[in-house]
Amino acid sequence: MKKIALYPGTFDPITNGHYDIIQRALGLFDEVIIAVALSQDKKPMFTLQERIKMASKAVEHLENICVVGFDNLTVELARTHKATILIRGLRAVSDFEYELQLGYLNNSLDDTIETVYLMPKLKHAFISSSIVRNLLKFNAKTSHLLPAEVEKIIGSMKACTLQ
């Protein structure tokens, strides 16, 4: 049976830390679905369509991966795509308690779904989308934190807003 994993998140924007988790997941599962959440509660900097575009561009050269947007329960999306594994990234101990509760919640909603926690490489462990968003607000350097394709998209968006 094909092992399909769903990697849900806001990806506002997708970072090198996310990309590292995606590569690790592709080494473990037959297919990985990046699920970009609408997440209006988090008030994202980028629209859902912009975040889907960035994630798609970042992974377009990889096989057995797709990117989808969603605005429903993660377990419902997983069922729709026949995914039985949820991927969650852990950067620090502070992430663990929240992620553990989320994993238990998702399993209580659908006990056929398992959550697998992956850590990024140490060089990416400090990267978060919120750090990147803060740097972007100040036009600071982000090229070391983002996939090159994402950096280009954000750069072209900045150019459009300046005209």
Protein backbone atom coordinates (compact mmCIF):
# COMPACT_ATOMS: atom_id res chain seq x y z
CA MET A 1 0.00 0.00 0.00
CA LYS A 2 1.26 3.45 -0.95
CA LYS A 3 2.32 5.61 2.02
CA ILE A 4 0.98 9.12 1.47
CA ALA A 5 1.96 11.85 3.92
CA LEU A 6 0.31 15.23 4.32
CA TYR A 7 2.45 18.16 5.48
CA PRO A 8 0.00 20.86 6.61
CA GLY A 9 0.90 24.39 7.53
CA THR A 10 0.41 28.04 6.80
CA PHE A 11 3.73 28.32 4.92
CA ASP A 12 3.67 32.12 5.15
CA PRO A 13 6.12 31.92 3.40
CA ILE A 14 7.65 28.48 2.88
CA THR A 15 11.21 28.52 4.27
CA ASN A 16 14.39 26.47 3.96
CA GLY A 17 13.34 24.78 7.21
CA HIS A 18 10.08 23.64 5.61
CA TYR A 19 11.96 22.55 2.50
CA ASP A 20 14.34 20.47 4.62
CA ILE A 21 11.38 18.71 6.28
CA ILE A 22 9.86 18.06 2.83
CA GLN A 23 13.08 16.45 1.58
CA ARG A 24 13.27 14.25 4.68
CA ALA A 25 9.63 13.23 4.28
CA LEU A 26 10.19 12.29 0.63
CA GLY A 27 12.87 9.88 1.81
CA LEU A 28 10.36 8.16 4.11
CA PHE A 29 7.08 8.16 2.19
CA ASP A 30 5.91 7.37 -1.34
CA GLU A 31 4.17 10.69 -1.80
CA VAL A 32 4.09 13.98 0.10
CA ILE A 33 1.28 16.50 -0.14
CA ILE A 34 2.07 20.02 1.01
CA ALA A 35 -1.21 21.38 2.37
CA VAL A 36 -1.26 25.17 2.56
CA ALA A 37 -3.87 26.33 5.08
CA LEU A 38 -5.97 29.44 4.54
CA SER A 39 -5.42 30.28 8.25
CA GLN A 40 -7.27 33.58 8.37
CA ASP A 41 -6.93 33.50 12.18
CA LYS A 42 -3.16 33.90 11.79
CA LYS A 43 -3.59 36.93 9.48
CA PRO A 44 -0.99 35.77 6.94
CA MET A 45 1.18 38.27 5.10
CA PHE A 46 0.63 36.47 1.80
CA THR A 47 -2.66 35.33 0.25
CA LEU A 48 -3.46 31.65 0.01
CA GLN A 49 -2.82 31.72 -3.74
CA GLU A 50 0.56 33.43 -3.26
CA ARG A 51 1.58 30.87 -0.65
CA ILE A 52 0.50 27.98 -2.89
CA LYS A 53 2.50 29.50 -5.75
CA MET A 54 5.61 29.89 -3.57
CA ALA A 55 5.38 26.34 -2.24
CA SER A 56 4.76 24.94 -5.74
CA LYS A 57 7.77 26.77 -7.17
CA ALA A 58 9.99 25.67 -4.28
CA VAL A 59 9.26 21.96 -4.92
CA GLU A 60 8.55 21.85 -8.66
CA HIS A 61 11.78 19.94 -9.35
CA LEU A 62 10.95 17.20 -6.82
CA GLU A 63 9.06 14.01 -7.66
CA ASN A 64 6.08 12.49 -5.84
CA ILE A 65 4.96 15.77 -4.35
CA CYS A 66 2.01 18.08 -4.85
CA VAL A 67 0.75 21.28 -3.28
CA VAL A 68 -2.87 21.95 -2.35
CA GLY A 69 -4.68 24.71 -0.51
CA PHE A 70 -7.28 23.97 2.13
CA ASP A 71 -9.74 25.49 4.57
CA ASN A 72 -11.13 22.51 6.46
CA LEU A 73 -9.97 20.09 9.13
CA THR A 74 -6.57 18.58 8.40
CA VAL A 75 -7.88 15.05 8.98
CA GLU A 76 -10.67 15.64 6.45
CA LEU A 77 -8.12 16.77 3.88
CA ALA A 78 -5.97 13.74 4.67
CA ARG A 79 -8.95 11.43 4.10
CA THR A 80 -9.72 13.14 0.78
CA HIS A 81 -6.16 12.47 -0.43
CA LYS A 82 -5.89 8.99 1.18
CA ALA A 83 -3.05 10.22 3.39
CA THR A 84 -2.56 8.26 6.60
CA ILE A 85 0.42 10.22 7.92
CA LEU A 86 0.65 13.84 9.00
CA ILE A 87 4.10 15.43 8.96
CA ARG A 88 4.91 18.05 11.56
CA GLY A 89 8.18 19.85 12.02
CA LEU A 90 9.84 20.34 15.39
CA ARG A 91 12.49 23.04 15.71
CA ALA A 92 12.78 23.27 19.46
CA VAL A 93 11.41 21.81 22.67
CA SER A 94 8.99 24.75 22.81
CA ASP A 95 7.25 23.40 19.66
CA PHE A 96 6.80 19.94 21.16
CA GLU A 97 3.93 20.52 23.60
CA TYR A 98 1.72 22.25 21.02
CA GLU A 99 2.54 19.70 18.30
CA LEU A 100 1.92 16.78 20.66
CA GLN A 101 -1.54 18.15 21.57
CA LEU A 102 -2.33 18.68 17.88
CA GLY A 103 -1.22 15.13 17.09
CA TYR A 104 -3.45 13.71 19.83
CA LEU A 105 -6.36 15.85 18.64
CA ASN A 106 -6.00 14.70 15.04
CA ASN A 107 -5.76 11.07 16.16
CA SER A 108 -8.91 11.50 18.28
CA LEU A 109 -10.74 12.72 15.16
CA ASP A 110 -9.42 9.87 13.00
CA ASP A 111 -7.52 7.03 14.63
CA THR A 112 -6.20 5.79 11.27
CA ILE A 113 -4.01 8.88 10.98
CA GLU A 114 -0.55 8.93 12.55
CA THR A 115 1.56 12.03 13.11
CA VAL A 116 5.28 11.85 12.39
CA TYR A 117 7.52 14.57 13.80
CA LEU A 118 10.62 15.53 11.85
CA MET A 119 13.39 17.90 12.86
CA PRO A 120 15.13 20.11 10.31
CA LYS A 121 18.90 20.11 10.09
CA LEU A 122 20.50 22.21 12.80
CA LYS A 123 21.39 24.99 10.34
CA HIS A 124 17.65 25.48 9.67
CA ALA A 125 16.37 24.96 13.22
CA PHE A 126 16.06 28.68 14.00
CA ILE A 127 14.11 29.56 10.85
CA SER A 128 10.42 30.31 11.15
CA SER A 129 8.00 32.02 8.81
CA SER A 130 7.37 34.69 11.45
CA ILE A 131 11.09 35.55 11.57
CA VAL A 132 11.11 35.83 7.77
CA ARG A 133 7.98 38.02 7.78
CA ASN A 134 9.60 40.36 10.31
CA LEU A 135 12.72 40.64 8.16
CA LEU A 136 10.61 41.29 5.07
CA LYS A 137 8.84 44.18 6.82
CA PHE A 138 12.24 45.85 7.21
CA ASN A 139 13.51 44.88 3.73
CA ALA A 140 16.26 42.85 5.41
CA LYS A 141 18.18 39.98 3.84
CA THR A 142 16.19 36.72 3.65
CA SER A 143 17.98 34.84 0.88
CA HIS A 144 19.68 32.50 3.37
CA LEU A 145 16.29 31.58 4.88
CA LEU A 146 14.17 30.98 1.77
CA PRO A 147 14.36 28.71 -1.27
CA ALA A 148 15.73 30.73 -4.21
CA GLU A 149 12.45 30.42 -6.12
CA VAL A 150 10.52 31.87 -3.19
CA GLU A 151 13.00 34.72 -2.80
CA LYS A 152 12.46 35.59 -6.50
CA ILE A 153 8.67 35.59 -6.15
CA ILE A 154 8.79 37.81 -3.08
CA GLY A 155 11.29 40.11 -4.82
CA SER A 156 8.98 40.49 -7.82
CA MET A 157 6.05 41.22 -5.49
CA LYS A 158 8.05 43.97 -3.81
CA ALA A 159 8.92 45.44 -7.22
CA CYS A 160 5.24 45.52 -8.15
CA THR A 161 4.25 47.35 -4.98
CA LEU A 162 6.94 49.99 -5.53
CA GLN A 163 5.64 50.94 -8.99
